[in-house]
N, C-alpha and C. Protein backbone atom coordinates (compact mmCIF):
# COMPACT_ATOMS: atom_id res chain seq x y z
N MET A 1 1.01 -1.18 0.33
CA MET A 1 -0.44 0.19 0.21
C MET A 1 0.90 1.58 -0.12
N PHE A 2 0.32 1.81 -0.49
CA PHE A 2 1.46 3.45 -1.16
C PHE A 2 0.81 4.42 0.08
N MET A 3 2.01 5.20 0.72
CA MET A 3 1.86 6.04 2.01
C MET A 3 1.68 7.21 1.26
N LYS A 4 1.09 7.92 1.48
CA LYS A 4 0.53 9.30 0.37
C LYS A 4 1.51 10.58 0.61
N HIS A 5 2.12 10.60 1.58
CA HIS A 5 3.03 11.51 2.02
C HIS A 5 4.20 11.76 0.95
N PHE A 6 4.62 10.72 -0.02
CA PHE A 6 5.25 10.35 -1.16
C PHE A 6 4.89 10.32 -2.16
N PHE A 7 3.63 10.86 -1.74
CA PHE A 7 3.06 10.74 -3.65
C PHE A 7 3.58 11.69 -4.54
N PHE A 8 3.59 12.74 -3.85
CA PHE A 8 4.23 13.98 -4.68
C PHE A 8 5.70 13.74 -5.66
N PHE A 9 6.44 12.93 -4.52
CA PHE A 9 7.96 12.72 -4.79
C PHE A 9 7.95 11.70 -5.75
N VAL A 10 7.40 10.54 -6.02
CA VAL A 10 7.08 9.74 -6.93
C VAL A 10 6.77 10.12 -8.21
N LEU A 11 5.47 10.89 -8.07
CA LEU A 11 4.91 11.61 -9.02
C LEU A 11 6.19 12.46 -9.73
N ASP A 12 6.83 13.07 -9.14
CA ASP A 12 8.11 13.93 -9.80
C ASP A 12 9.04 13.30 -10.72
N VAL A 13 9.24 11.73 -10.18
CA VAL A 13 10.45 11.35 -10.69
C VAL A 13 9.87 10.53 -11.96
N VAL A 14 8.32 10.41 -11.84
CA VAL A 14 7.69 9.71 -12.93
C VAL A 14 7.81 10.46 -14.53
N ASN A 15 7.48 11.51 -14.01
CA ASN A 15 7.07 12.90 -14.96
C ASN A 15 8.35 13.49 -15.73
N THR A 16 9.32 13.14 -14.82
CA THR A 16 11.43 13.53 -15.00
C THR A 16 11.52 12.47 -16.33
N ILE A 17 11.05 11.03 -16.36
CA ILE A 17 11.41 9.92 -16.85
C ILE A 17 10.59 10.27 -17.86
N ASN A 18 9.15 10.47 -17.83
CA ASN A 18 8.27 10.80 -18.99
C ASN A 18 8.74 12.11 -19.94
N LYS A 19 9.62 12.52 -19.36
CA LYS A 19 9.84 14.09 -20.58
C LYS A 19 11.43 13.73 -21.04
N LEU A 20 12.07 12.09 -20.64
CA LEU A 20 13.33 12.24 -21.05
C LEU A 20 12.85 10.92 -22.14
N LEU A 21 12.53 9.88 -22.10
CA LEU A 21 12.42 8.64 -23.03
C LEU A 21 10.57 8.61 -22.67
N LYS A 22 10.03 8.00 -24.12
CA LYS A 22 8.80 7.23 -23.33
C LYS A 22 8.68 5.94 -22.34
N LYS A 23 9.71 4.96 -22.71
CA LYS A 23 9.31 3.63 -22.21
C LYS A 23 10.43 3.72 -21.09
N CYS A 24 10.77 3.29 -19.78
CA CYS A 24 11.33 3.08 -19.36
C CYS A 24 11.24 1.26 -18.29
N THR A 25 12.25 0.98 -17.65
CA THR A 25 11.98 -0.53 -17.16
C THR A 25 12.15 -0.04 -15.20
N LEU A 26 10.96 -0.82 -15.39
CA LEU A 26 10.91 -1.02 -13.75
C LEU A 26 11.62 -2.09 -13.12
N ARG A 27 12.23 -2.04 -12.37
CA ARG A 27 13.09 -3.26 -11.53
C ARG A 27 12.81 -2.93 -10.24
N LEU A 28 11.73 -4.57 -9.71
CA LEU A 28 11.60 -4.88 -8.12
C LEU A 28 12.34 -5.37 -7.63
N THR A 29 12.64 -5.33 -6.27
CA THR A 29 13.22 -6.12 -5.34
C THR A 29 12.95 -6.00 -3.99
N PRO A 30 13.27 -7.04 -3.55
CA PRO A 30 12.72 -6.96 -1.71
C PRO A 30 12.95 -5.85 -1.25
N ASP A 31 13.86 -4.98 -1.53
CA ASP A 31 13.85 -3.85 -0.10
C ASP A 31 13.78 -2.59 -1.05
N LYS A 32 14.01 -2.35 -2.59
CA LYS A 32 14.23 -1.18 -3.12
C LYS A 32 13.34 -1.45 -4.40
N LEU A 33 13.05 -0.49 -5.23
CA LEU A 33 12.36 -0.06 -6.68
C LEU A 33 13.54 0.40 -7.33
N TYR A 34 13.62 0.32 -8.97
CA TYR A 34 14.68 1.38 -9.19
C TYR A 34 13.55 1.46 -11.18
N PHE A 35 14.09 2.81 -11.45
CA PHE A 35 13.42 3.41 -12.50
C PHE A 35 15.02 3.29 -13.37
N ILE A 36 14.67 2.72 -14.92
CA ILE A 36 16.28 2.58 -15.51
C ILE A 36 15.50 3.17 -17.34
N LEU A 37 16.33 3.73 -17.82
CA LEU A 37 16.47 4.07 -18.82
C LEU A 37 17.62 3.06 -19.34
N PRO A 38 17.26 2.72 -20.32
CA PRO A 38 18.99 1.88 -20.50
C PRO A 38 19.98 2.96 -21.47
N ASP A 39 20.94 2.29 -21.10
CA ASP A 39 22.19 3.33 -22.01
C ASP A 39 21.50 3.25 -23.59
N GLN A 40 21.59 4.43 -23.67
CA GLN A 40 21.14 5.14 -24.91
C GLN A 40 22.32 6.43 -25.17
N VAL A 41 23.43 6.55 -24.67
CA VAL A 41 24.05 7.46 -24.99
C VAL A 41 25.07 7.16 -26.45
N SER A 42 25.38 6.09 -26.46
CA SER A 42 25.46 5.65 -27.70
C SER A 42 25.20 6.46 -29.47
N ASN A 43 23.84 6.04 -28.94
CA ASN A 43 23.00 6.66 -30.20
C ASN A 43 22.18 8.26 -29.99
N GLY A 44 23.18 8.63 -29.11
CA GLY A 44 22.93 10.39 -28.80
C GLY A 44 21.53 10.50 -28.08
N GLY A 45 21.48 9.64 -27.43
CA GLY A 45 20.07 9.80 -26.21
C GLY A 45 20.77 9.80 -24.26
N VAL A 46 19.86 9.69 -23.75
CA VAL A 46 20.41 9.38 -22.14
C VAL A 46 20.10 8.25 -21.87
N SER A 47 20.75 7.99 -20.66
CA SER A 47 20.48 6.83 -19.94
C SER A 47 20.59 7.68 -18.33
N MET A 48 19.63 6.95 -17.69
CA MET A 48 19.21 7.08 -16.19
C MET A 48 19.35 5.71 -15.22
N TRP A 49 19.47 5.93 -14.01
CA TRP A 49 19.35 5.32 -12.87
C TRP A 49 18.90 5.89 -11.72
N CYS A 50 17.76 4.90 -11.22
CA CYS A 50 16.64 5.84 -10.03
C CYS A 50 16.58 4.82 -9.05
N GLU A 51 17.08 4.92 -7.83
CA GLU A 51 17.15 3.84 -6.77
C GLU A 51 15.67 4.58 -5.94
N LEU A 52 15.21 3.86 -5.17
CA LEU A 52 14.05 4.14 -4.38
C LEU A 52 13.74 2.88 -3.49
N LYS A 53 14.27 3.32 -1.68
CA LYS A 53 14.17 2.19 -1.00
C LYS A 53 12.51 2.00 -0.52
N GLN A 54 12.13 0.67 -0.91
CA GLN A 54 10.62 0.95 -0.71
C GLN A 54 10.28 1.18 0.46
N ALA A 55 10.46 0.89 2.02
CA ALA A 55 9.96 1.22 2.72
C ALA A 55 9.86 2.53 3.10
N ASN A 56 10.43 3.77 2.01
CA ASN A 56 10.41 5.10 2.33
C ASN A 56 8.97 5.29 1.42
N PHE A 57 7.80 3.94 0.95
CA PHE A 57 7.58 4.94 -0.08
C PHE A 57 6.10 3.80 0.00
N PHE A 58 6.31 2.66 0.90
CA PHE A 58 5.03 1.48 1.31
C PHE A 58 4.87 1.07 2.61
N ASP A 59 3.79 1.77 2.80
CA ASP A 59 3.52 0.64 4.30
C ASP A 59 2.97 -0.74 4.32
N GLU A 60 2.70 -1.15 3.53
CA GLU A 60 2.85 -2.62 2.72
C GLU A 60 3.52 -3.02 1.48
N TYR A 61 4.43 -3.87 1.55
CA TYR A 61 5.12 -4.67 0.21
C TYR A 61 4.91 -5.72 0.28
N GLN A 62 5.28 -6.94 -0.47
CA GLN A 62 4.98 -8.34 -0.70
C GLN A 62 5.56 -8.70 -2.37
N MET A 63 6.55 -8.90 -2.19
CA MET A 63 7.14 -9.31 -3.58
C MET A 63 7.72 -10.60 -4.10
N ASP A 64 7.54 -11.48 -4.99
CA ASP A 64 8.43 -12.62 -5.00
C ASP A 64 8.09 -12.68 -6.55
N GLY A 65 9.90 -12.70 -6.83
CA GLY A 65 10.72 -13.07 -7.66
C GLY A 65 10.32 -13.69 -8.78
N VAL A 66 11.65 -14.13 -9.97
CA VAL A 66 11.10 -15.30 -10.60
C VAL A 66 11.97 -16.80 -9.70
N SER A 67 12.47 -16.73 -8.87
CA SER A 67 12.71 -17.36 -8.03
C SER A 67 14.12 -17.38 -6.57
N SER A 68 14.14 -18.25 -5.63
CA SER A 68 14.80 -17.99 -4.24
C SER A 68 16.17 -16.89 -4.65
N GLU A 69 16.64 -17.50 -5.75
CA GLU A 69 18.15 -16.63 -5.88
C GLU A 69 17.81 -15.71 -6.68
N HIS A 70 17.33 -15.71 -7.70
CA HIS A 70 17.12 -14.06 -8.42
C HIS A 70 15.73 -13.42 -7.94
N ASN A 71 15.50 -12.92 -6.86
CA ASN A 71 14.35 -12.57 -6.47
C ASN A 71 13.99 -11.27 -6.38
N GLU A 72 13.86 -10.95 -7.78
CA GLU A 72 13.15 -9.51 -9.00
C GLU A 72 12.22 -9.60 -9.80
N ILE A 73 11.92 -8.64 -9.81
CA ILE A 73 11.24 -8.38 -10.98
C ILE A 73 11.62 -7.25 -12.23
N TYR A 74 11.52 -7.61 -13.53
CA TYR A 74 12.43 -6.24 -14.66
C TYR A 74 10.74 -6.60 -15.44
N MET A 75 10.45 -5.35 -15.51
CA MET A 75 9.29 -5.01 -16.66
C MET A 75 9.57 -3.25 -17.56
N GLU A 76 9.07 -3.87 -18.29
CA GLU A 76 9.52 -2.44 -19.86
C GLU A 76 7.87 -1.79 -19.53
N ILE A 77 7.41 -0.57 -19.34
CA ILE A 77 6.44 0.67 -19.25
C ILE A 77 6.82 1.52 -19.65
N ILE A 78 5.60 2.36 -20.50
CA ILE A 78 5.24 3.42 -20.53
C ILE A 78 5.00 4.59 -19.16
N ALA A 79 6.18 4.96 -19.62
CA ALA A 79 6.10 6.02 -18.74
C ALA A 79 4.42 7.32 -18.20
N GLU A 80 4.24 7.54 -19.30
CA GLU A 80 2.75 8.67 -18.93
C GLU A 80 1.77 7.58 -18.84
N ASN A 81 1.70 6.24 -18.78
CA ASN A 81 0.70 5.50 -17.99
C ASN A 81 0.61 5.80 -16.76
N ILE A 82 1.69 5.57 -16.17
CA ILE A 82 1.81 5.56 -14.50
C ILE A 82 1.87 6.85 -14.22
N VAL A 83 2.24 7.78 -15.02
CA VAL A 83 1.97 9.73 -14.89
C VAL A 83 0.41 9.84 -14.14
N ARG A 84 -0.34 9.16 -15.54
CA ARG A 84 -2.09 9.39 -15.68
C ARG A 84 -2.67 8.92 -14.12
N ALA A 85 -2.12 7.75 -14.01
CA ALA A 85 -2.41 6.78 -13.27
C ALA A 85 -1.95 7.79 -11.70
N LEU A 86 -1.00 8.14 -11.21
CA LEU A 86 -0.53 8.57 -10.31
C LEU A 86 -1.29 10.04 -10.63
N LYS A 87 -1.66 10.96 -11.35
CA LYS A 87 -2.49 11.86 -11.01
C LYS A 87 -3.87 11.73 -10.44
N SER A 88 -4.25 10.51 -11.17
CA SER A 88 -5.67 10.49 -10.34
C SER A 88 -5.77 9.88 -9.02
N ALA A 89 -4.67 10.06 -8.42
CA ALA A 89 -4.89 9.18 -7.04
C ALA A 89 -4.31 10.31 -6.32
N HIS A 90 -4.61 11.82 -6.42
CA HIS A 90 -3.80 12.71 -5.87
C HIS A 90 -4.96 13.28 -4.57
N ASN A 91 -5.94 12.95 -4.65
CA ASN A 91 -6.85 12.72 -2.88
C ASN A 91 -7.14 11.36 -2.47
N ALA A 92 -6.28 10.63 -3.28
CA ALA A 92 -6.49 8.89 -2.63
C ALA A 92 -6.71 9.19 -1.62
N LYS A 93 -7.41 8.10 -0.47
CA LYS A 93 -7.22 7.78 0.89
C LYS A 93 -6.35 6.90 1.02
N SER A 94 -6.05 5.82 -0.17
CA SER A 94 -5.34 5.00 -0.23
C SER A 94 -4.87 4.19 -1.77
N MET A 95 -3.50 3.48 -1.81
CA MET A 95 -3.41 2.79 -3.14
C MET A 95 -2.40 2.17 -3.21
N LYS A 96 -2.95 1.10 -3.91
CA LYS A 96 -2.49 -0.01 -3.70
C LYS A 96 -2.06 -0.37 -5.05
N ILE A 97 -0.58 -1.56 -5.66
CA ILE A 97 -0.14 -1.28 -6.70
C ILE A 97 0.48 -2.42 -6.94
N LYS A 98 0.03 -3.48 -7.79
CA LYS A 98 -0.01 -5.22 -7.80
C LYS A 98 0.10 -5.39 -9.25
N LEU A 99 1.16 -6.47 -9.64
CA LEU A 99 1.40 -6.68 -10.60
C LEU A 99 0.24 -7.84 -11.34
N THR A 100 -0.64 -7.67 -11.96
CA THR A 100 -1.48 -9.01 -12.44
C THR A 100 -1.05 -9.35 -13.99
N LYS A 101 -2.06 -10.48 -13.68
CA LYS A 101 -2.23 -11.65 -15.52
C LYS A 101 -3.67 -10.79 -15.43
N LYS A 102 -3.92 -10.20 -16.55
CA LYS A 102 -5.02 -9.94 -17.29
C LYS A 102 -4.99 -10.69 -18.47
N GLN A 103 -5.50 -9.70 -20.04
CA GLN A 103 -5.19 -10.11 -21.15
C GLN A 103 -3.92 -10.53 -21.81
N THR A 104 -3.06 -9.31 -20.86
CA THR A 104 -1.53 -9.44 -20.93
C THR A 104 -1.31 -9.10 -19.86
N PRO A 105 0.31 -9.33 -18.87
CA PRO A 105 0.96 -8.95 -17.70
C PRO A 105 0.25 -6.97 -17.31
N CYS A 106 -0.20 -6.53 -16.46
CA CYS A 106 -0.53 -5.47 -16.00
C CYS A 106 0.26 -5.13 -15.08
N LEU A 107 0.51 -3.93 -14.55
CA LEU A 107 0.64 -3.14 -13.53
C LEU A 107 -0.76 -2.45 -13.05
N THR A 108 -0.96 -2.98 -11.87
CA THR A 108 -2.82 -2.82 -11.57
C THR A 108 -2.62 -1.65 -10.38
N VAL A 109 -3.45 -0.79 -11.02
CA VAL A 109 -3.42 0.89 -9.51
C VAL A 109 -4.62 0.50 -8.72
N GLU A 110 -4.91 -0.07 -7.88
CA GLU A 110 -6.18 0.13 -6.82
C GLU A 110 -6.41 1.77 -6.26
N ILE A 111 -7.01 2.80 -6.64
CA ILE A 111 -7.34 3.84 -5.69
C ILE A 111 -8.64 4.11 -4.96
N GLU A 112 -8.26 4.06 -3.82
CA GLU A 112 -9.50 4.51 -3.17
C GLU A 112 -9.95 6.03 -3.08
N LEU A 113 -10.87 6.75 -3.78
CA LEU A 113 -10.99 8.11 -2.93
C LEU A 113 -11.90 8.13 -2.17
N PRO A 114 -11.99 9.43 -1.90
CA PRO A 114 -13.51 9.77 -0.53
C PRO A 114 -14.28 9.98 -1.57
N SER A 115 -15.51 10.58 -0.75
CA SER A 115 -16.77 10.38 -1.93
C SER A 115 -17.62 11.44 -0.35
N ILE A 116 -18.64 11.97 -0.88
CA ILE A 116 -19.40 12.68 -0.18
C ILE A 116 -20.12 12.00 0.67
N ASN A 117 -20.90 10.70 0.84
CA ASN A 117 -21.20 10.39 1.98
C ASN A 117 -20.20 9.43 2.65
N SER A 118 -20.43 8.12 3.25
CA SER A 118 -19.89 7.40 3.80
C SER A 118 -18.61 6.57 3.23
N SER A 119 -19.22 6.15 2.22
CA SER A 119 -18.68 5.29 1.00
C SER A 119 -17.46 5.57 0.62
N SER A 120 -16.62 4.77 -0.20
CA SER A 120 -15.47 5.53 -0.73
C SER A 120 -15.30 4.92 -2.51
N ARG A 121 -15.06 5.79 -3.61
CA ARG A 121 -15.30 5.38 -4.57
C ARG A 121 -13.23 4.34 -4.82
N LEU A 122 -13.64 3.14 -5.95
CA LEU A 122 -12.14 2.82 -5.84
C LEU A 122 -12.11 2.69 -7.71
N VAL A 123 -10.88 3.08 -8.09
CA VAL A 123 -10.83 3.71 -9.08
C VAL A 123 -10.13 2.85 -9.75
N THR A 124 -9.73 1.73 -10.97
CA THR A 124 -8.77 0.85 -10.91
C THR A 124 -7.89 1.32 -12.56
N HIS A 125 -6.55 1.27 -12.64
CA HIS A 125 -5.81 1.41 -14.15
C HIS A 125 -5.36 0.36 -14.05
N ASP A 126 -5.24 -0.60 -15.33
CA ASP A 126 -4.58 -1.67 -15.65
C ASP A 126 -3.14 -1.41 -16.85
N ILE A 127 -2.24 -0.80 -16.16
CA ILE A 127 -1.20 -0.66 -17.22
C ILE A 127 0.02 -1.82 -17.50
N PRO A 128 -0.63 -1.89 -18.73
CA PRO A 128 0.27 -3.10 -19.67
C PRO A 128 1.46 -2.76 -19.34
N VAL A 129 2.28 -3.95 -19.15
CA VAL A 129 3.59 -3.72 -19.24
C VAL A 129 4.10 -5.53 -19.47
N SER A 130 5.49 -5.09 -20.24
CA SER A 130 6.22 -6.40 -20.80
C SER A 130 7.35 -6.66 -20.11
N VAL A 131 6.99 -7.65 -19.06
CA VAL A 131 7.90 -8.29 -18.46
C VAL A 131 9.11 -9.20 -19.36
N ILE A 132 10.11 -8.59 -18.54
CA ILE A 132 11.89 -8.81 -19.30
C ILE A 132 12.95 -9.99 -19.00
N PRO A 133 12.79 -11.24 -19.47
CA PRO A 133 12.74 -12.20 -19.27
C PRO A 133 14.26 -12.18 -18.64
N ARG A 134 14.46 -13.47 -17.94
CA ARG A 134 15.87 -13.30 -16.87
C ARG A 134 16.99 -13.29 -17.79
N ARG A 135 17.38 -13.34 -18.99
CA ARG A 135 18.44 -13.86 -19.77
C ARG A 135 18.77 -12.35 -20.24
N LEU A 136 18.11 -11.21 -19.65
CA LEU A 136 18.39 -10.03 -20.71
C LEU A 136 18.21 -9.51 -19.40
N TRP A 137 18.67 -9.57 -18.52
CA TRP A 137 18.75 -8.70 -16.97
C TRP A 137 20.00 -8.23 -16.81
N ASP A 138 20.89 -8.72 -17.34
CA ASP A 138 22.71 -8.38 -17.63
C ASP A 138 22.52 -7.08 -18.03
N GLU A 139 21.31 -6.63 -19.22
CA GLU A 139 21.12 -4.83 -19.83
C GLU A 139 20.83 -4.34 -19.34
N TYR A 140 20.34 -4.59 -17.56
CA TYR A 140 19.84 -3.49 -16.76
C TYR A 140 20.49 -3.11 -15.53
N GLN A 141 21.92 -3.50 -15.36
CA GLN A 141 22.58 -3.11 -14.06
C GLN A 141 23.06 -1.73 -13.87
N GLU A 142 23.32 -1.26 -12.60
CA GLU A 142 23.60 -0.22 -12.72
C GLU A 142 25.06 0.31 -13.62
N PRO A 143 24.98 1.90 -14.03
CA PRO A 143 26.05 1.82 -14.76
C PRO A 143 27.38 1.86 -13.82
N THR A 144 28.27 1.58 -14.46
CA THR A 144 29.80 2.17 -14.25
C THR A 144 29.89 3.46 -14.23
N MET A 145 29.84 4.39 -13.03
CA MET A 145 30.50 5.58 -12.88
C MET A 145 32.04 6.09 -12.90
N PRO A 146 32.49 7.07 -13.74
CA PRO A 146 34.06 7.05 -13.62
C PRO A 146 34.29 7.82 -12.03
N GLU A 147 35.55 7.91 -11.99
CA GLU A 147 35.89 8.37 -10.60
C GLU A 147 35.29 9.68 -10.61
N PHE A 148 34.84 10.74 -10.08
CA PHE A 148 34.50 12.36 -9.96
C PHE A 148 35.41 13.29 -9.27
N HIS A 149 35.71 14.44 -9.96
CA HIS A 149 36.84 15.42 -8.84
C HIS A 149 35.92 15.93 -7.79
N VAL A 150 34.60 16.61 -8.26
CA VAL A 150 34.08 17.67 -7.26
C VAL A 150 32.73 16.91 -7.27
N SER A 151 32.27 17.51 -5.89
CA SER A 151 31.26 16.83 -5.40
C SER A 151 30.56 18.34 -4.78
N ILE A 152 29.30 18.39 -4.92
CA ILE A 152 28.52 19.39 -4.27
C ILE A 152 27.11 19.39 -4.07
N CYS A 153 26.55 19.83 -3.16
CA CYS A 153 25.01 19.45 -3.04
C CYS A 153 24.29 20.32 -4.07
N MET A 154 23.31 20.17 -5.41
CA MET A 154 22.79 21.23 -6.00
C MET A 154 21.93 22.09 -5.52
N PRO A 155 21.49 23.34 -5.91
CA PRO A 155 20.60 24.23 -5.31
C PRO A 155 19.33 23.62 -6.01
N PRO A 156 18.02 23.61 -5.14
CA PRO A 156 16.93 23.58 -5.94
C PRO A 156 16.64 23.33 -7.55
N LEU A 157 16.26 22.42 -7.72
CA LEU A 157 15.70 22.27 -9.29
C LEU A 157 14.89 23.25 -9.57
N LYS A 158 14.20 23.60 -9.39
CA LYS A 158 13.05 24.28 -9.86
C LYS A 158 13.91 25.95 -10.01
N THR A 159 15.17 26.19 -9.24
CA THR A 159 15.91 27.44 -9.44
C THR A 159 16.29 27.30 -10.39
N LEU A 160 16.91 26.15 -10.78
CA LEU A 160 18.18 25.76 -11.67
C LEU A 160 17.03 25.76 -13.14
N LYS A 161 15.82 25.14 -13.30
CA LYS A 161 15.62 25.23 -14.70
C LYS A 161 14.65 26.82 -14.91
N ASN A 162 14.68 27.42 -14.07
CA ASN A 162 14.20 28.62 -13.94
C ASN A 162 15.00 29.36 -15.07
N ILE A 163 16.48 29.27 -14.67
CA ILE A 163 17.59 29.93 -15.20
C ILE A 163 17.67 29.28 -16.39
N ALA A 164 17.98 28.18 -16.51
CA ALA A 164 17.98 27.69 -17.74
C ALA A 164 17.32 28.15 -19.15
N GLU A 165 15.97 28.30 -18.22
CA GLU A 165 14.96 28.83 -19.40
C GLU A 165 14.99 29.93 -19.95
N ARG A 166 15.62 30.72 -18.76
CA ARG A 166 15.77 32.24 -19.29
C ARG A 166 17.01 32.58 -20.04
N MET A 167 17.64 31.15 -20.09
CA MET A 167 19.29 31.24 -20.68
C MET A 167 19.33 30.81 -21.82
N LYS A 168 18.22 30.00 -22.24
CA LYS A 168 18.27 29.27 -23.21
C LYS A 168 17.69 30.61 -24.22
N ASN A 169 17.06 31.60 -24.43
CA ASN A 169 16.62 32.81 -25.11
C ASN A 169 18.20 33.52 -25.70
N LEU A 170 19.19 33.26 -24.69
CA LEU A 170 20.80 34.04 -25.13
C LEU A 170 20.98 33.10 -26.47
N SER A 171 21.32 31.70 -25.88
CA SER A 171 22.40 31.29 -26.46
C SER A 171 21.77 29.76 -26.31
N THR A 172 21.98 28.90 -27.51
CA THR A 172 22.18 27.24 -27.48
C THR A 172 22.54 26.72 -26.44
N TYR A 173 24.11 27.04 -25.79
CA TYR A 173 24.50 26.37 -25.17
C TYR A 173 24.97 27.05 -23.81
N LEU A 174 25.40 26.09 -22.90
CA LEU A 174 24.87 26.47 -21.44
C LEU A 174 26.33 25.85 -21.13
N THR A 175 27.48 26.95 -19.80
CA THR A 175 28.15 25.98 -19.86
C THR A 175 27.95 26.22 -18.01
N LEU A 176 28.22 24.82 -17.59
CA LEU A 176 28.16 24.45 -16.15
C LEU A 176 29.08 24.04 -15.39
N SER A 177 29.94 25.29 -14.53
CA SER A 177 31.38 24.67 -14.02
C SER A 177 30.75 24.45 -12.12
N ALA A 178 31.77 24.17 -11.98
CA ALA A 178 31.93 23.37 -9.96
C ALA A 178 33.31 23.49 -9.54
N ASN A 179 33.24 23.93 -8.53
CA ASN A 179 34.43 23.43 -7.61
C ASN A 179 34.60 22.78 -6.54
N GLN A 180 35.71 22.19 -5.81
CA GLN A 180 35.45 21.73 -4.81
C GLN A 180 35.43 22.88 -3.35
N GLU A 181 35.31 23.96 -3.58
CA GLU A 181 34.83 25.19 -2.23
C GLU A 181 33.94 25.11 -2.02
N GLY A 182 32.70 24.62 -2.97
CA GLY A 182 31.25 24.41 -2.95
C GLY A 182 30.62 25.59 -4.01
N ASP A 183 31.38 25.77 -5.16
CA ASP A 183 30.63 27.29 -5.91
C ASP A 183 30.32 26.46 -7.20
N MET A 184 29.28 27.22 -7.75
CA MET A 184 28.68 26.68 -9.01
C MET A 184 28.12 27.52 -9.68
N VAL A 185 28.64 27.91 -11.15
CA VAL A 185 28.51 28.75 -12.23
C VAL A 185 27.96 28.33 -13.12
N MET A 186 26.50 28.96 -13.34
CA MET A 186 25.76 28.56 -15.06
C MET A 186 26.31 30.18 -16.19
N LYS A 187 26.47 29.43 -17.02
CA LYS A 187 26.92 30.96 -17.52
C LYS A 187 26.61 30.67 -19.70
N VAL A 188 26.14 31.40 -19.90
CA VAL A 188 25.90 31.51 -21.58
C VAL A 188 26.86 32.61 -22.18
N GLU A 189 27.40 32.38 -23.49
CA GLU A 189 28.54 33.34 -23.67
C GLU A 189 28.48 33.62 -24.94
N THR A 190 28.38 34.78 -25.32
CA THR A 190 27.68 35.29 -27.36
C THR A 190 28.61 36.11 -27.85
N GLU A 191 28.63 36.45 -29.04
CA GLU A 191 29.73 37.54 -28.96
C GLU A 191 28.99 39.03 -28.59
N LEU A 192 27.53 39.08 -27.98
CA LEU A 192 27.75 40.28 -27.68
C LEU A 192 27.54 40.09 -26.32
N VAL A 193 27.15 39.36 -25.32
CA VAL A 193 27.13 39.61 -23.74
C VAL A 193 26.96 38.10 -23.46
N THR A 194 28.17 38.28 -22.19
CA THR A 194 27.88 37.04 -21.21
C THR A 194 27.16 37.08 -20.00
N VAL A 195 26.54 36.42 -19.94
CA VAL A 195 25.71 36.24 -18.69
C VAL A 195 25.58 35.10 -17.59
N ALA A 196 26.24 35.02 -16.53
CA ALA A 196 26.48 34.44 -15.73
C ALA A 196 25.49 34.18 -14.35
N THR A 197 25.25 33.05 -13.59
CA THR A 197 24.46 33.07 -12.28
C THR A 197 25.59 32.06 -11.49
N ARG A 198 25.83 32.46 -10.09
CA ARG A 198 26.92 31.87 -9.48
C ARG A 198 25.63 31.48 -8.23
N PHE A 199 26.54 30.33 -7.48
CA PHE A 199 25.81 29.87 -6.17
C PHE A 199 26.99 29.24 -5.45
N SER A 200 27.10 29.80 -4.01
CA SER A 200 27.98 29.42 -3.10
C SER A 200 27.98 28.82 -2.13
N LYS A 201 28.52 27.88 -1.44
CA LYS A 201 28.31 26.99 -0.07
C LYS A 201 27.58 26.40 -0.46
N LEU A 202 27.48 25.51 -1.45
CA LEU A 202 27.17 24.17 -1.86
C LEU A 202 27.88 22.71 -1.66
N ILE A 203 28.12 23.38 -0.13
CA ILE A 203 28.58 21.79 0.74
C ILE A 203 28.06 21.05 1.57
């Protein structure tokens, strides 16, 4: 059962995925959920690895994988369908998510909505998924990250988005730089103007 106070966080995660790529992979383990965009960099795309502890999002959680040795489930899903289901749960009293077998495998989202009288309304979304066979799981492992030289705490993403949207009117390219002192600069440069926004104490 989904914990309501984390609803908006998950919706933001899935919304971000939906803007990056139409389909994503959802990986379920006893302890965690993963949203994965497979490595598309070689084709000019993006890749993503999002890891969520299930205990932070569910007050009840049960899963059985393909075997005791490989206790996981991988499925491909259209991100927009998850977004649509979560948006309908905005004022929900509770929400249950389970993997079901209808005409095709589905991620079934059951949403209990409040009603004017004492009874509740139940809304169900059956989201078609493609279950990924065990032989392909190696294609969805956590990517190897290179050693990094600078580590900072990012400013609020909403602030960065607003700045980037204004700067894109000046130039096609934006330069982002940071240092170990916790300073970060967003800058655009053209023949006519240079505009920079600086952040400090991002440690």
